[in-house]
Each structure stands twice: as structure tokens, then as C-alpha cells.
Amino acid sequence: MPVGNLEFIKSASGTAITSLTVTDIFSSDYSVYQVYLRGNGSQNVGSLAAEFLDSGGTDIAQGAYDTAILRLDPTTTFGEVRTTNANSFEIAYTSATDNDFGILITVFNPYETSYTFATIQAMSKQGTKAIVVAKSTTSAEQMKFYANQQFTPIDVSVYGVKG
């Protein structure tokens, strides 16, 4: 059912899990997607991460994610984090305590045979603004989200953006 310029594709959720893979979300139907996450990370979660996966569940850019992150911590100075050739990309940083999180990931061209780009806006104990590139020309069809501790819970909703 269309809502404005967004068209619902799929949702997934889990409780007391360390990772969640959402399958069959990217296709040739759209070139831009909105991925919404909300939930809670158990104590000592730290950063929440993601990967783009192909149809078989293989990471399309293993060792080839570049990110630029601005962490907006209200209790200290803002911090910048840059990574190159990483195995995944950070989507939020919840610190070492139990924190709720809300995340919006806008994904560009995941199904095309060009690099996949994404922007990230997240809020938890601190805000996050980021950009990521998956330096791979393999089409992505899925996303995997994970943390070093359990999500309690995590909810993901994916929408295609109509042109």
C-alpha cells in the first residue's frame, strides 16, 4: 500500500538475538530505499553494524566498506570516525549501557552493478550522521544487522522510494 512517496516492502523483528538478516528487500523496482530500525541494545552493546548481502547471503563488500561518521554526543565534544576497507559499517553507537535506538538508513542503487551508497541518521545515547560506500559491483538483495550483545528487541521496516 503506497504512503506518499514510500512503498512498503517488508518488515522483520527479533528479540534476544545478536543479528537479524532481512531478506528479499532490494530489487530493480527502486533505486532508493529507506530502512528504518528501532529497538534496544542490551548492556555493553557498543556499536551496531550492518552489511549488504547478495541473494545467497554473502556480504557483497567484505573488506570493502568505507564510512565517514559524525558522532553527536551531548555530554562531550562531537567525534569523527573514518574507516576504510572494513568488513561491515557502523549504523549507531549506543555506548556501554542499555539504550533505545532509532535509525534511518537511506540506501542508493543497491541492486545495480555499481557501488552501493547509504546515508545514516541515528539516535541513541548520542546522535549519528554517516555515509557509507560498499565498494562492490555485486547487487545487494538483503541486509544483515548485528551487535556484539543482544538486541532486546529490534524492529526493521523497509520501503522503496517512488521516483
N, C-alpha and C. Protein backbone atom coordinates (compact mmCIF):
# COMPACT_ATOMS: atom_id res chain seq x y z
N MET A 1 0.83 -1.17 0.00
CA MET A 1 0.00 0.00 0.00
C MET A 1 0.89 1.25 0.00
N PRO A 2 0.77 2.12 -0.99
CA PRO A 2 1.59 3.32 -1.05
C PRO A 2 1.22 4.33 0.03
N VAL A 3 2.24 4.97 0.58
CA VAL A 3 2.06 6.04 1.55
C VAL A 3 2.98 7.16 1.11
N GLY A 4 2.43 8.22 0.51
CA GLY A 4 3.28 9.29 0.00
C GLY A 4 4.22 8.75 -1.07
N ASN A 5 5.51 9.05 -0.92
CA ASN A 5 6.50 8.57 -1.88
C ASN A 5 7.15 7.27 -1.44
N LEU A 6 6.68 6.68 -0.35
CA LEU A 6 7.25 5.43 0.14
C LEU A 6 6.29 4.28 -0.13
N GLU A 7 6.84 3.14 -0.52
CA GLU A 7 6.05 1.95 -0.73
C GLU A 7 6.62 0.84 0.15
N PHE A 8 5.79 0.33 1.04
CA PHE A 8 6.23 -0.69 1.99
C PHE A 8 6.69 -1.94 1.25
N ILE A 9 7.84 -2.47 1.68
CA ILE A 9 8.37 -3.69 1.09
C ILE A 9 8.31 -4.86 2.08
N LYS A 10 8.89 -4.64 3.27
CA LYS A 10 8.98 -5.76 4.20
C LYS A 10 9.35 -5.27 5.59
N SER A 11 8.98 -6.05 6.60
CA SER A 11 9.43 -5.77 7.97
C SER A 11 9.91 -7.08 8.59
N ALA A 12 10.74 -6.94 9.61
CA ALA A 12 11.26 -8.09 10.35
C ALA A 12 11.58 -7.63 11.75
N SER A 13 11.57 -8.57 12.69
CA SER A 13 11.89 -8.22 14.07
C SER A 13 12.46 -9.43 14.79
N GLY A 14 13.05 -9.16 15.93
CA GLY A 14 13.58 -10.22 16.75
C GLY A 14 13.82 -9.71 18.16
N THR A 15 13.89 -10.64 19.10
CA THR A 15 14.17 -10.33 20.49
C THR A 15 15.22 -11.29 21.00
N ALA A 16 16.12 -10.79 21.81
CA ALA A 16 17.20 -11.59 22.41
C ALA A 16 18.04 -12.28 21.33
N ILE A 17 18.42 -11.50 20.30
CA ILE A 17 19.25 -12.02 19.21
C ILE A 17 20.46 -11.09 19.03
N THR A 18 21.52 -11.61 18.45
CA THR A 18 22.69 -10.78 18.18
C THR A 18 22.76 -10.33 16.73
N SER A 19 21.94 -10.94 15.86
CA SER A 19 21.91 -10.49 14.47
C SER A 19 20.53 -10.76 13.87
N LEU A 20 20.24 -9.98 12.84
CA LEU A 20 18.97 -10.12 12.12
C LEU A 20 19.24 -9.87 10.65
N THR A 21 18.90 -10.83 9.81
CA THR A 21 19.02 -10.67 8.37
C THR A 21 17.63 -10.48 7.78
N VAL A 22 17.49 -9.42 6.99
CA VAL A 22 16.21 -9.14 6.32
C VAL A 22 16.42 -9.45 4.85
N THR A 23 15.71 -10.46 4.37
CA THR A 23 15.90 -10.99 3.01
C THR A 23 14.93 -10.36 2.02
N ASP A 24 15.30 -10.45 0.75
CA ASP A 24 14.44 -10.06 -0.37
C ASP A 24 13.87 -8.65 -0.23
N ILE A 25 14.76 -7.67 0.03
CA ILE A 25 14.28 -6.30 0.19
C ILE A 25 14.69 -5.38 -0.95
N PHE A 26 15.81 -5.67 -1.62
CA PHE A 26 16.27 -4.82 -2.71
C PHE A 26 16.02 -5.53 -4.04
N SER A 27 15.56 -4.77 -5.03
CA SER A 27 15.30 -5.31 -6.36
C SER A 27 15.46 -4.20 -7.38
N SER A 28 15.17 -4.50 -8.62
CA SER A 28 15.26 -3.50 -9.67
C SER A 28 14.05 -2.55 -9.66
N ASP A 29 13.11 -2.75 -8.75
CA ASP A 29 11.92 -1.90 -8.69
C ASP A 29 12.20 -0.47 -8.26
N TYR A 30 13.26 -0.27 -7.44
CA TYR A 30 13.59 1.05 -6.91
C TYR A 30 15.09 1.25 -6.95
N SER A 31 15.51 2.50 -7.02
CA SER A 31 16.94 2.79 -6.91
C SER A 31 17.27 3.39 -5.55
N VAL A 32 16.24 3.81 -4.79
CA VAL A 32 16.44 4.36 -3.44
C VAL A 32 15.50 3.66 -2.48
N TYR A 33 16.04 3.33 -1.31
CA TYR A 33 15.28 2.64 -0.26
C TYR A 33 15.46 3.35 1.06
N GLN A 34 14.44 3.26 1.91
CA GLN A 34 14.52 3.76 3.28
C GLN A 34 14.39 2.54 4.20
N VAL A 35 15.37 2.38 5.08
CA VAL A 35 15.37 1.28 6.04
C VAL A 35 15.29 1.89 7.43
N TYR A 36 14.22 1.57 8.15
CA TYR A 36 14.00 2.11 9.49
C TYR A 36 14.25 1.00 10.52
N LEU A 37 15.03 1.32 11.55
CA LEU A 37 15.28 0.38 12.64
C LEU A 37 14.93 1.06 13.95
N ARG A 38 14.39 0.29 14.86
CA ARG A 38 14.19 0.79 16.21
C ARG A 38 14.32 -0.40 17.15
N GLY A 39 14.72 -0.11 18.36
CA GLY A 39 14.87 -1.20 19.30
C GLY A 39 15.69 -0.79 20.49
N ASN A 40 16.30 -1.80 21.09
CA ASN A 40 17.10 -1.60 22.28
C ASN A 40 18.25 -2.58 22.24
N GLY A 41 19.42 -2.10 22.61
CA GLY A 41 20.58 -2.98 22.74
C GLY A 41 20.82 -3.28 24.20
N SER A 42 21.08 -4.52 24.52
CA SER A 42 21.34 -4.86 25.91
C SER A 42 22.65 -4.22 26.37
N GLN A 43 22.95 -4.32 27.63
CA GLN A 43 24.14 -3.67 28.17
C GLN A 43 25.39 -4.11 27.43
N ASN A 44 26.32 -3.17 27.28
CA ASN A 44 27.62 -3.40 26.65
C ASN A 44 27.54 -3.68 25.15
N VAL A 45 26.50 -3.23 24.49
CA VAL A 45 26.39 -3.44 23.05
C VAL A 45 27.45 -2.66 22.30
N GLY A 46 27.64 -1.39 22.61
CA GLY A 46 28.59 -0.58 21.84
C GLY A 46 28.00 -0.22 20.50
N SER A 47 28.71 -0.51 19.42
CA SER A 47 28.21 -0.10 18.11
C SER A 47 27.33 -1.18 17.49
N LEU A 48 26.37 -0.70 16.71
CA LEU A 48 25.51 -1.57 15.92
C LEU A 48 26.01 -1.49 14.49
N ALA A 49 26.06 -2.61 13.80
CA ALA A 49 26.66 -2.65 12.48
C ALA A 49 25.73 -3.32 11.47
N ALA A 50 26.09 -3.19 10.19
CA ALA A 50 25.30 -3.78 9.12
C ALA A 50 26.20 -4.20 7.97
N GLU A 51 25.64 -5.03 7.11
CA GLU A 51 26.29 -5.47 5.87
C GLU A 51 25.22 -5.57 4.79
N PHE A 52 25.61 -5.39 3.55
CA PHE A 52 24.76 -5.67 2.41
C PHE A 52 25.08 -7.08 1.92
N LEU A 53 24.05 -7.88 1.67
CA LEU A 53 24.23 -9.26 1.25
C LEU A 53 23.64 -9.51 -0.13
N ASP A 54 24.24 -10.44 -0.86
CA ASP A 54 23.68 -10.84 -2.16
C ASP A 54 22.54 -11.84 -1.94
N SER A 55 21.99 -12.38 -3.00
CA SER A 55 20.84 -13.28 -2.90
C SER A 55 21.16 -14.55 -2.13
N GLY A 56 22.42 -14.96 -2.09
CA GLY A 56 22.82 -16.16 -1.37
C GLY A 56 23.23 -15.90 0.06
N GLY A 57 23.17 -14.65 0.51
CA GLY A 57 23.52 -14.32 1.88
C GLY A 57 24.98 -14.01 2.10
N THR A 58 25.74 -13.80 1.03
CA THR A 58 27.15 -13.45 1.14
C THR A 58 27.31 -11.93 1.14
N ASP A 59 28.16 -11.43 2.02
CA ASP A 59 28.45 -10.00 2.11
C ASP A 59 29.03 -9.53 0.77
N ILE A 60 28.42 -8.52 0.15
CA ILE A 60 28.86 -8.09 -1.17
C ILE A 60 30.16 -7.30 -1.13
N ALA A 61 30.51 -6.76 0.04
CA ALA A 61 31.67 -5.87 0.11
C ALA A 61 32.58 -6.23 1.28
N GLN A 62 32.72 -7.49 1.58
CA GLN A 62 33.59 -7.92 2.67
C GLN A 62 34.97 -7.29 2.50
N GLY A 63 35.39 -6.52 3.50
CA GLY A 63 36.68 -5.84 3.44
C GLY A 63 36.71 -4.63 2.54
N ALA A 64 35.53 -4.14 2.11
CA ALA A 64 35.49 -3.02 1.17
C ALA A 64 34.41 -1.99 1.49
N TYR A 65 34.12 -1.79 2.79
CA TYR A 65 33.21 -0.73 3.21
C TYR A 65 34.03 0.46 3.69
N ASP A 66 33.71 1.64 3.18
CA ASP A 66 34.31 2.88 3.67
C ASP A 66 33.21 3.70 4.31
N THR A 67 33.49 4.28 5.48
CA THR A 67 32.50 5.10 6.16
C THR A 67 33.11 6.38 6.69
N ALA A 68 32.28 7.39 6.80
CA ALA A 68 32.62 8.63 7.49
C ALA A 68 31.46 8.89 8.46
N ILE A 69 31.78 8.98 9.76
CA ILE A 69 30.77 9.06 10.80
C ILE A 69 31.01 10.30 11.65
N LEU A 70 29.94 10.99 11.96
CA LEU A 70 29.98 12.08 12.94
C LEU A 70 29.13 11.65 14.12
N ARG A 71 29.77 11.46 15.27
CA ARG A 71 29.06 11.09 16.50
C ARG A 71 28.74 12.37 17.26
N LEU A 72 27.47 12.56 17.54
CA LEU A 72 26.97 13.78 18.16
C LEU A 72 26.60 13.50 19.62
N ASP A 73 27.60 13.48 20.48
CA ASP A 73 27.41 13.16 21.89
C ASP A 73 27.12 14.44 22.67
N PRO A 74 25.96 14.52 23.33
CA PRO A 74 25.61 15.75 24.04
C PRO A 74 26.42 15.98 25.32
N THR A 75 27.15 14.99 25.79
CA THR A 75 27.90 15.13 27.05
C THR A 75 29.37 15.44 26.85
N THR A 76 29.82 15.46 25.59
CA THR A 76 31.23 15.72 25.31
C THR A 76 31.35 16.35 23.92
N THR A 77 32.56 16.51 23.44
CA THR A 77 32.73 17.06 22.10
C THR A 77 32.32 16.04 21.05
N PHE A 78 31.86 16.54 19.93
CA PHE A 78 31.50 15.65 18.83
C PHE A 78 32.75 14.94 18.32
N GLY A 79 32.57 13.75 17.81
CA GLY A 79 33.72 12.99 17.33
C GLY A 79 33.51 12.50 15.91
N GLU A 80 34.60 12.39 15.19
CA GLU A 80 34.57 11.86 13.83
C GLU A 80 35.26 10.50 13.80
N VAL A 81 34.68 9.59 13.04
CA VAL A 81 35.26 8.27 12.85
C VAL A 81 35.28 8.00 11.35
N ARG A 82 36.42 7.57 10.86
CA ARG A 82 36.54 7.20 9.44
C ARG A 82 37.10 5.80 9.36
N THR A 83 36.50 4.99 8.51
CA THR A 83 37.03 3.64 8.30
C THR A 83 37.17 3.40 6.80
N THR A 84 38.14 2.61 6.44
CA THR A 84 38.31 2.20 5.05
C THR A 84 38.52 0.69 5.03
N ASN A 85 38.02 0.08 3.98
CA ASN A 85 38.19 -1.36 3.75
C ASN A 85 37.77 -2.20 4.95
N ALA A 86 36.65 -1.83 5.57
CA ALA A 86 36.12 -2.56 6.73
C ALA A 86 35.24 -3.73 6.28
N ASN A 87 34.98 -4.64 7.22
CA ASN A 87 34.15 -5.81 6.93
C ASN A 87 32.65 -5.54 7.10
N SER A 88 32.29 -4.40 7.69
CA SER A 88 30.90 -4.01 7.89
C SER A 88 30.89 -2.49 8.09
N PHE A 89 29.71 -1.93 8.33
CA PHE A 89 29.65 -0.49 8.60
C PHE A 89 28.79 -0.22 9.82
N GLU A 90 29.24 0.76 10.60
CA GLU A 90 28.53 1.14 11.83
C GLU A 90 27.27 1.89 11.46
N ILE A 91 26.17 1.55 12.15
CA ILE A 91 24.92 2.27 11.93
C ILE A 91 24.50 3.09 13.15
N ALA A 92 25.03 2.77 14.32
CA ALA A 92 24.76 3.56 15.53
C ALA A 92 25.73 3.14 16.61
N TYR A 93 25.89 4.02 17.56
CA TYR A 93 26.75 3.74 18.71
C TYR A 93 25.92 3.97 19.96
N THR A 94 25.70 2.91 20.74
CA THR A 94 24.81 3.03 21.88
C THR A 94 25.54 3.19 23.20
N SER A 95 26.85 3.18 23.21
CA SER A 95 27.71 3.25 24.39
C SER A 95 27.62 1.94 25.16
N ALA A 96 28.15 1.92 26.34
CA ALA A 96 28.23 0.68 27.10
C ALA A 96 27.04 0.47 28.04
N THR A 97 25.96 1.16 27.81
CA THR A 97 24.79 0.98 28.66
C THR A 97 23.59 0.60 27.82
N ASP A 98 22.53 0.25 28.48
CA ASP A 98 21.29 -0.19 27.85
C ASP A 98 20.59 1.01 27.24
N ASN A 99 20.51 1.10 25.92
CA ASN A 99 19.92 2.27 25.27
C ASN A 99 18.97 1.89 24.14
N ASP A 100 17.87 2.63 24.06
CA ASP A 100 16.98 2.53 22.91
C ASP A 100 17.67 3.19 21.72
N PHE A 101 17.28 2.79 20.52
CA PHE A 101 17.84 3.42 19.33
C PHE A 101 16.78 3.54 18.25
N GLY A 102 16.94 4.56 17.42
CA GLY A 102 16.14 4.77 16.22
C GLY A 102 17.09 5.13 15.09
N ILE A 103 16.94 4.45 13.96
CA ILE A 103 17.90 4.61 12.87
C ILE A 103 17.16 4.70 11.53
N LEU A 104 17.60 5.61 10.69
CA LEU A 104 17.13 5.70 9.31
C LEU A 104 18.33 5.53 8.40
N ILE A 105 18.28 4.53 7.54
CA ILE A 105 19.33 4.30 6.55
C ILE A 105 18.69 4.51 5.17
N THR A 106 19.23 5.42 4.39
CA THR A 106 18.78 5.62 3.01
C THR A 106 19.82 4.95 2.11
N VAL A 107 19.37 3.98 1.33
CA VAL A 107 20.27 3.17 0.50
C VAL A 107 20.05 3.54 -0.96
N PHE A 108 21.16 3.79 -1.66
CA PHE A 108 21.12 4.19 -3.07
C PHE A 108 21.72 3.11 -3.95
N ASN A 109 20.99 2.70 -4.96
CA ASN A 109 21.44 1.77 -6.01
C ASN A 109 21.92 0.41 -5.50
N PRO A 110 21.25 -0.22 -4.55
CA PRO A 110 21.76 -1.50 -4.04
C PRO A 110 21.68 -2.63 -5.05
N TYR A 111 20.76 -2.55 -6.00
CA TYR A 111 20.56 -3.66 -6.92
C TYR A 111 21.30 -3.48 -8.24
N GLU A 112 21.83 -2.29 -8.47
CA GLU A 112 22.55 -2.03 -9.71
C GLU A 112 23.98 -2.55 -9.60
N THR A 113 24.62 -2.70 -10.74
CA THR A 113 26.01 -3.18 -10.74
C THR A 113 26.97 -2.00 -10.68
N SER A 114 26.73 -1.15 -9.69
CA SER A 114 27.62 -0.04 -9.37
C SER A 114 27.76 -0.03 -7.86
N TYR A 115 28.64 0.78 -7.32
CA TYR A 115 28.81 0.84 -5.88
C TYR A 115 27.48 1.18 -5.20
N THR A 116 27.26 0.62 -4.03
CA THR A 116 26.08 0.92 -3.22
C THR A 116 26.48 1.97 -2.19
N PHE A 117 25.70 3.03 -2.10
CA PHE A 117 25.94 4.10 -1.14
C PHE A 117 24.78 4.14 -0.14
N ALA A 118 25.05 4.65 1.06
CA ALA A 118 23.99 4.83 2.04
C ALA A 118 24.32 6.02 2.94
N THR A 119 23.26 6.69 3.39
CA THR A 119 23.41 7.69 4.43
C THR A 119 22.70 7.16 5.67
N ILE A 120 23.19 7.55 6.84
CA ILE A 120 22.64 7.03 8.10
C ILE A 120 22.38 8.20 9.03
N GLN A 121 21.21 8.18 9.64
CA GLN A 121 20.88 9.11 10.72
C GLN A 121 20.37 8.25 11.87
N ALA A 122 21.01 8.37 13.03
CA ALA A 122 20.65 7.52 14.15
C ALA A 122 20.60 8.32 15.44
N MET A 123 19.79 7.82 16.37
CA MET A 123 19.73 8.43 17.69
C MET A 123 19.69 7.33 18.72
N SER A 124 20.54 7.46 19.70
CA SER A 124 20.57 6.59 20.86
C SER A 124 21.03 7.45 22.02
N LYS A 125 22.04 7.03 22.74
CA LYS A 125 22.61 7.90 23.77
C LYS A 125 23.21 9.14 23.11
N GLN A 126 23.62 8.97 21.87
CA GLN A 126 24.13 10.08 21.09
C GLN A 126 23.58 9.99 19.68
N GLY A 127 23.66 11.08 18.95
CA GLY A 127 23.23 11.08 17.57
C GLY A 127 24.37 10.64 16.66
N THR A 128 24.01 10.16 15.49
CA THR A 128 24.99 9.75 14.50
C THR A 128 24.53 10.21 13.12
N LYS A 129 25.46 10.77 12.36
CA LYS A 129 25.25 11.06 10.93
C LYS A 129 26.39 10.37 10.22
N ALA A 130 26.10 9.65 9.16
CA ALA A 130 27.17 8.91 8.49
C ALA A 130 26.85 8.72 7.01
N ILE A 131 27.91 8.41 6.28
CA ILE A 131 27.80 8.00 4.89
C ILE A 131 28.68 6.77 4.71
N VAL A 132 28.21 5.84 3.89
CA VAL A 132 28.95 4.60 3.67
C VAL A 132 28.93 4.27 2.19
N VAL A 133 30.00 3.67 1.73
CA VAL A 133 30.04 3.12 0.38
C VAL A 133 30.49 1.67 0.46
N ALA A 134 29.74 0.81 -0.21
CA ALA A 134 30.13 -0.59 -0.36
C ALA A 134 30.80 -0.69 -1.72
N LYS A 135 32.12 -0.82 -1.71
CA LYS A 135 32.88 -0.80 -2.96
C LYS A 135 32.83 -2.17 -3.62
N SER A 136 31.68 -2.44 -4.21
CA SER A 136 31.43 -3.70 -4.89
C SER A 136 30.41 -3.45 -5.99
N THR A 137 30.52 -4.16 -7.08
CA THR A 137 29.55 -4.02 -8.15
C THR A 137 28.55 -5.18 -8.15
N THR A 138 28.54 -5.96 -7.07
CA THR A 138 27.57 -7.05 -6.91
C THR A 138 26.27 -6.47 -6.37
N SER A 139 25.15 -6.91 -6.90
CA SER A 139 23.84 -6.44 -6.44
C SER A 139 23.56 -6.93 -5.03
N ALA A 140 23.02 -6.04 -4.21
CA ALA A 140 22.58 -6.41 -2.87
C ALA A 140 21.08 -6.71 -2.92
N GLU A 141 20.67 -7.74 -2.21
CA GLU A 141 19.25 -8.07 -2.10
C GLU A 141 18.79 -8.14 -0.65
N GLN A 142 19.75 -8.17 0.29
CA GLN A 142 19.44 -8.35 1.70
C GLN A 142 20.31 -7.42 2.55
N MET A 143 19.95 -7.30 3.83
CA MET A 143 20.80 -6.61 4.80
C MET A 143 20.86 -7.42 6.07
N LYS A 144 22.03 -7.39 6.70
CA LYS A 144 22.22 -8.04 7.99
C LYS A 144 22.61 -6.97 9.00
N PHE A 145 21.95 -7.01 10.17
CA PHE A 145 22.22 -6.09 11.26
C PHE A 145 22.72 -6.89 12.44
N TYR A 146 23.74 -6.39 13.12
CA TYR A 146 24.24 -7.15 14.26
C TYR A 146 24.95 -6.28 15.28
N ALA A 147 25.13 -6.87 16.47
CA ALA A 147 25.80 -6.22 17.59
C ALA A 147 26.57 -7.29 18.35
N ASN A 148 27.48 -6.85 19.22
CA ASN A 148 28.26 -7.82 19.98
C ASN A 148 27.50 -8.36 21.19
N GLN A 149 26.35 -7.80 21.49
CA GLN A 149 25.45 -8.31 22.54
C GLN A 149 24.06 -8.39 21.93
N GLN A 150 23.08 -8.75 22.72
CA GLN A 150 21.74 -8.98 22.18
C GLN A 150 20.94 -7.70 21.96
N PHE A 151 20.12 -7.75 20.89
CA PHE A 151 19.08 -6.76 20.69
C PHE A 151 17.89 -7.22 21.55
N THR A 152 17.26 -6.31 22.24
CA THR A 152 16.13 -6.69 23.08
C THR A 152 15.01 -5.66 23.00
N PRO A 153 14.31 -5.46 21.95
CA PRO A 153 14.24 -6.13 20.66
C PRO A 153 14.85 -5.28 19.55
N ILE A 154 14.64 -5.70 18.30
CA ILE A 154 14.96 -4.91 17.11
C ILE A 154 13.81 -5.08 16.12
N ASP A 155 13.38 -3.97 15.54
CA ASP A 155 12.33 -3.96 14.51
C ASP A 155 12.88 -3.23 13.29
N VAL A 156 12.71 -3.82 12.12
CA VAL A 156 13.20 -3.24 10.88
C VAL A 156 12.03 -3.14 9.89
N SER A 157 11.90 -2.00 9.23
CA SER A 157 10.91 -1.81 8.17
C SER A 157 11.61 -1.23 6.96
N VAL A 158 11.31 -1.76 5.78
CA VAL A 158 11.97 -1.33 4.55
C VAL A 158 10.92 -0.80 3.57
N TYR A 159 11.24 0.35 2.96
CA TYR A 159 10.37 0.99 1.99
C TYR A 159 11.15 1.32 0.73
N GLY A 160 10.51 1.21 -0.41
CA GLY A 160 11.06 1.70 -1.65
C GLY A 160 10.61 3.13 -1.85
N VAL A 161 11.49 3.98 -2.38
CA VAL A 161 11.14 5.37 -2.62
C VAL A 161 10.74 5.51 -4.08
N LYS A 162 9.49 5.92 -4.29
CA LYS A 162 9.00 6.10 -5.65
C LYS A 162 9.59 7.36 -6.24
N GLY A 163 10.00 7.28 -7.51
CA GLY A 163 10.63 8.41 -8.19
C GLY A 163 9.67 9.43 -8.59
